[in-house]
C-alpha cells in the first residue's frame, strides 16, 4: 500500500497495515473497558456530574429549581426508578422483583433489603422516595 503525506510517498506492506490496525482496535477496546470499569468521567462539565439520560437531566433540573418530586417505590416502574441517584436499570429491576415477591414496602428503610442497595445508596435516595399508598388515610384524619 502506498500513502502520500505532504506530497511524499510512503509504502507499507498490506500485512503490516492490517496487523497494525487490528492491534489499534484491541488497544482502544481495552482502554474503553478500563474507563468503564473504573468509572472514569471523560466528559466533566464543571462540578455537576454528566447526565446519563434525558430523564436524569430533567430530574436534575427539577431538583435544582427546588421542585423535588417524591418517587413511590411501591408503584413506579423502571423508567422512573432509574431517576434516583445510584439506581440503574439492574437495581430498578431488583426493586420491582422484591416488591412482587414480598409485597409492598412498608417503609422506605425496607428498600435496604433489596440486593445491591445498602446504606450508602439509601442515604443518596432517602429524601426522594416514598411508600405512600393511594388508599392510605393520614394518621391525623384517623384520630378525628
Protein backbone atom coordinates (compact mmCIF):
# COMPACT_ATOMS: atom_id res chain seq x y z
CA UNK A 1 0.00 0.00 0.00
CA UNK A 2 1.21 3.49 -0.77
CA UNK A 3 0.35 6.64 1.15
CA UNK A 4 1.01 10.23 0.21
CA UNK A 5 1.57 12.55 3.14
CA UNK A 6 2.55 16.17 2.44
CA UNK A 7 3.48 15.20 -1.09
CA UNK A 8 5.86 12.42 -0.09
CA UNK A 9 5.22 8.80 -0.93
CA UNK A 10 5.33 6.18 1.81
CA UNK A 11 4.98 2.45 1.23
CA UNK A 12 3.91 -0.22 3.70
CA UNK A 13 3.15 -3.87 3.21
CA UNK A 14 -0.53 -4.74 3.35
CA UNK A 15 0.07 -7.38 6.08
CA UNK A 16 1.74 -4.83 8.38
CA UNK A 17 -1.08 -2.34 7.83
CA UNK A 18 -3.78 -4.89 8.71
CA UNK A 19 -1.83 -6.13 11.75
CA UNK A 20 -1.33 -2.58 12.99
CA UNK A 21 -5.00 -1.76 12.54
CA UNK A 22 -6.00 -4.91 14.45
CA UNK A 23 -3.66 -4.03 17.34
CA UNK A 24 -5.06 -0.48 17.43
CA UNK A 25 -8.64 -1.77 17.69
CA UNK A 26 -7.67 -4.11 20.55
CA UNK A 27 -5.94 -1.26 22.43
CA UNK A 28 -8.96 1.01 22.03
CA UNK A 29 -11.30 -1.72 23.28
CA UNK A 30 -9.08 -2.35 26.32
CA UNK A 31 -8.88 1.38 27.06
CA UNK A 32 -12.67 1.71 26.83
CA UNK A 33 -13.12 -1.25 29.17
CA UNK A 34 -10.69 0.32 31.65
CA UNK A 35 -12.57 3.63 31.60
CA UNK A 36 -15.93 1.91 32.06
CA UNK A 37 -14.84 -0.45 34.84
CA UNK A 38 -13.12 2.32 36.79
CA UNK A 39 -15.97 4.75 36.17
CA UNK A 40 -13.66 7.39 34.78
CA UNK A 41 -15.59 10.50 33.81
CA UNK A 42 -14.33 11.53 30.41
CA UNK A 43 -16.74 14.45 29.99
CA UNK A 44 -16.79 16.55 33.14
CA UNK A 45 -18.86 19.70 32.72
CA UNK A 46 -17.78 21.50 35.86
CA UNK A 47 -18.97 20.47 39.30
CA UNK A 48 -22.22 18.87 38.05
CA UNK A 49 -22.00 15.21 37.03
CA UNK A 50 -22.69 14.45 33.38
CA UNK A 51 -26.29 13.18 32.97
CA UNK A 52 -26.61 9.61 31.74
CA UNK A 53 -30.01 10.16 30.17
CA UNK A 54 -32.55 12.82 29.28
CA UNK A 55 -34.74 11.69 32.19
CA UNK A 56 -31.86 12.09 34.63
CA UNK A 57 -31.16 15.55 33.20
CA UNK A 58 -34.80 16.59 33.66
CA UNK A 59 -34.77 15.26 37.22
CA UNK A 60 -31.66 17.33 38.00
CA UNK A 61 -33.30 20.46 36.59
CA UNK A 62 -36.32 19.91 38.86
CA UNK A 63 -34.02 19.34 41.82
CA UNK A 64 -32.03 22.50 41.08
CA UNK A 65 -35.22 24.56 40.86
CA UNK A 66 -36.33 23.35 44.30
CA UNK A 67 -39.04 21.04 42.92
CA UNK A 68 -38.31 17.67 44.46
CA UNK A 69 -40.80 15.10 43.29
CA UNK A 70 -41.02 12.04 45.52
CA UNK A 71 -40.84 8.69 43.79
CA UNK A 72 -43.13 5.99 45.16
CA UNK A 73 -41.08 2.78 45.26
CA UNK A 74 -44.30 0.76 45.63
CA UNK A 75 -45.83 1.87 42.33
CA UNK A 76 -43.21 3.25 39.96
CA UNK A 77 -41.68 1.40 37.02
CA UNK A 78 -38.10 1.06 35.84
CA UNK A 79 -38.09 4.34 33.87
CA UNK A 80 -38.91 6.35 36.99
CA UNK A 81 -36.83 4.36 39.48
CA UNK A 82 -33.64 4.91 37.47
CA UNK A 83 -34.04 8.64 38.06
CA UNK A 84 -32.90 8.01 41.63
CA UNK A 85 -29.22 8.69 42.31
CA UNK A 86 -27.33 5.39 42.36
CA UNK A 87 -30.18 3.33 40.91
CA UNK A 88 -29.60 1.92 37.46
CA UNK A 89 -31.65 -0.49 35.42
CA UNK A 90 -30.42 -3.58 37.30
CA UNK A 91 -31.26 -2.18 40.75
CA UNK A 92 -34.59 -0.84 39.49
CA UNK A 93 -35.49 -4.33 38.28
CA UNK A 94 -34.39 -5.72 41.67
CA UNK A 95 -36.70 -3.25 43.47
CA UNK A 96 -39.66 -4.31 41.35
CA UNK A 97 -38.84 -8.00 41.77
CA UNK A 98 -38.53 -7.57 45.56
CA UNK A 99 -41.93 -5.90 45.87
CA UNK A 100 -43.54 -8.56 43.64
CA UNK A 101 -42.14 -11.34 45.85
CA UNK A 102 -42.54 -9.69 49.28
CA UNK A 103 -45.44 -7.29 48.82
CA UNK A 104 -45.38 -3.53 49.04
CA UNK A 105 -42.69 -1.75 51.03
CA UNK A 106 -43.97 -0.76 54.47
CA UNK A 107 -41.36 1.98 54.99
CA UNK A 108 -38.52 3.47 52.98
CA UNK A 109 -35.83 1.73 55.06
CA UNK A 110 -37.10 -1.62 53.79
CA UNK A 111 -35.51 -0.82 50.41
CA UNK A 112 -32.17 -1.77 52.00
CA UNK A 113 -33.39 -5.39 51.87
CA UNK A 114 -33.15 -5.27 48.07
CA UNK A 115 -29.97 -6.89 46.80
CA UNK A 116 -27.46 -4.22 45.78
CA UNK A 117 -28.95 -1.42 47.87
CA UNK A 118 -27.08 -0.77 51.08
CA UNK A 119 -26.71 2.10 53.50
CA UNK A 120 -24.69 4.27 51.08
CA UNK A 121 -27.29 4.05 48.30
CA UNK A 122 -30.12 4.51 50.79
CA UNK A 123 -28.56 7.74 52.07
CA UNK A 124 -28.45 9.07 48.50
CA UNK A 125 -32.12 8.35 47.78
CA UNK A 126 -33.95 8.57 51.12
CA UNK A 127 -35.09 12.17 50.56
CA UNK A 128 -36.50 11.33 47.12
CA UNK A 129 -38.53 8.17 47.87
CA UNK A 130 -41.86 7.42 49.49
CA UNK A 131 -44.04 4.36 50.12
CA UNK A 132 -47.39 6.12 50.33
CA UNK A 133 -50.35 4.04 49.28
CA UNK A 134 -53.18 5.73 47.38
CA UNK A 135 -55.75 4.36 49.84
CA UNK A 136 -53.81 5.43 52.94
CA UNK A 137 -55.55 7.81 55.31
CA UNK A 138 -53.20 10.23 57.10
CA UNK A 139 -52.81 9.49 60.84
CA UNK A 140 -54.32 12.85 61.89
CA UNK A 141 -57.54 12.04 59.97
CA UNK A 142 -57.94 8.68 61.76
CA UNK A 143 -57.89 10.22 65.24
CA UNK A 144 -60.72 12.67 64.37
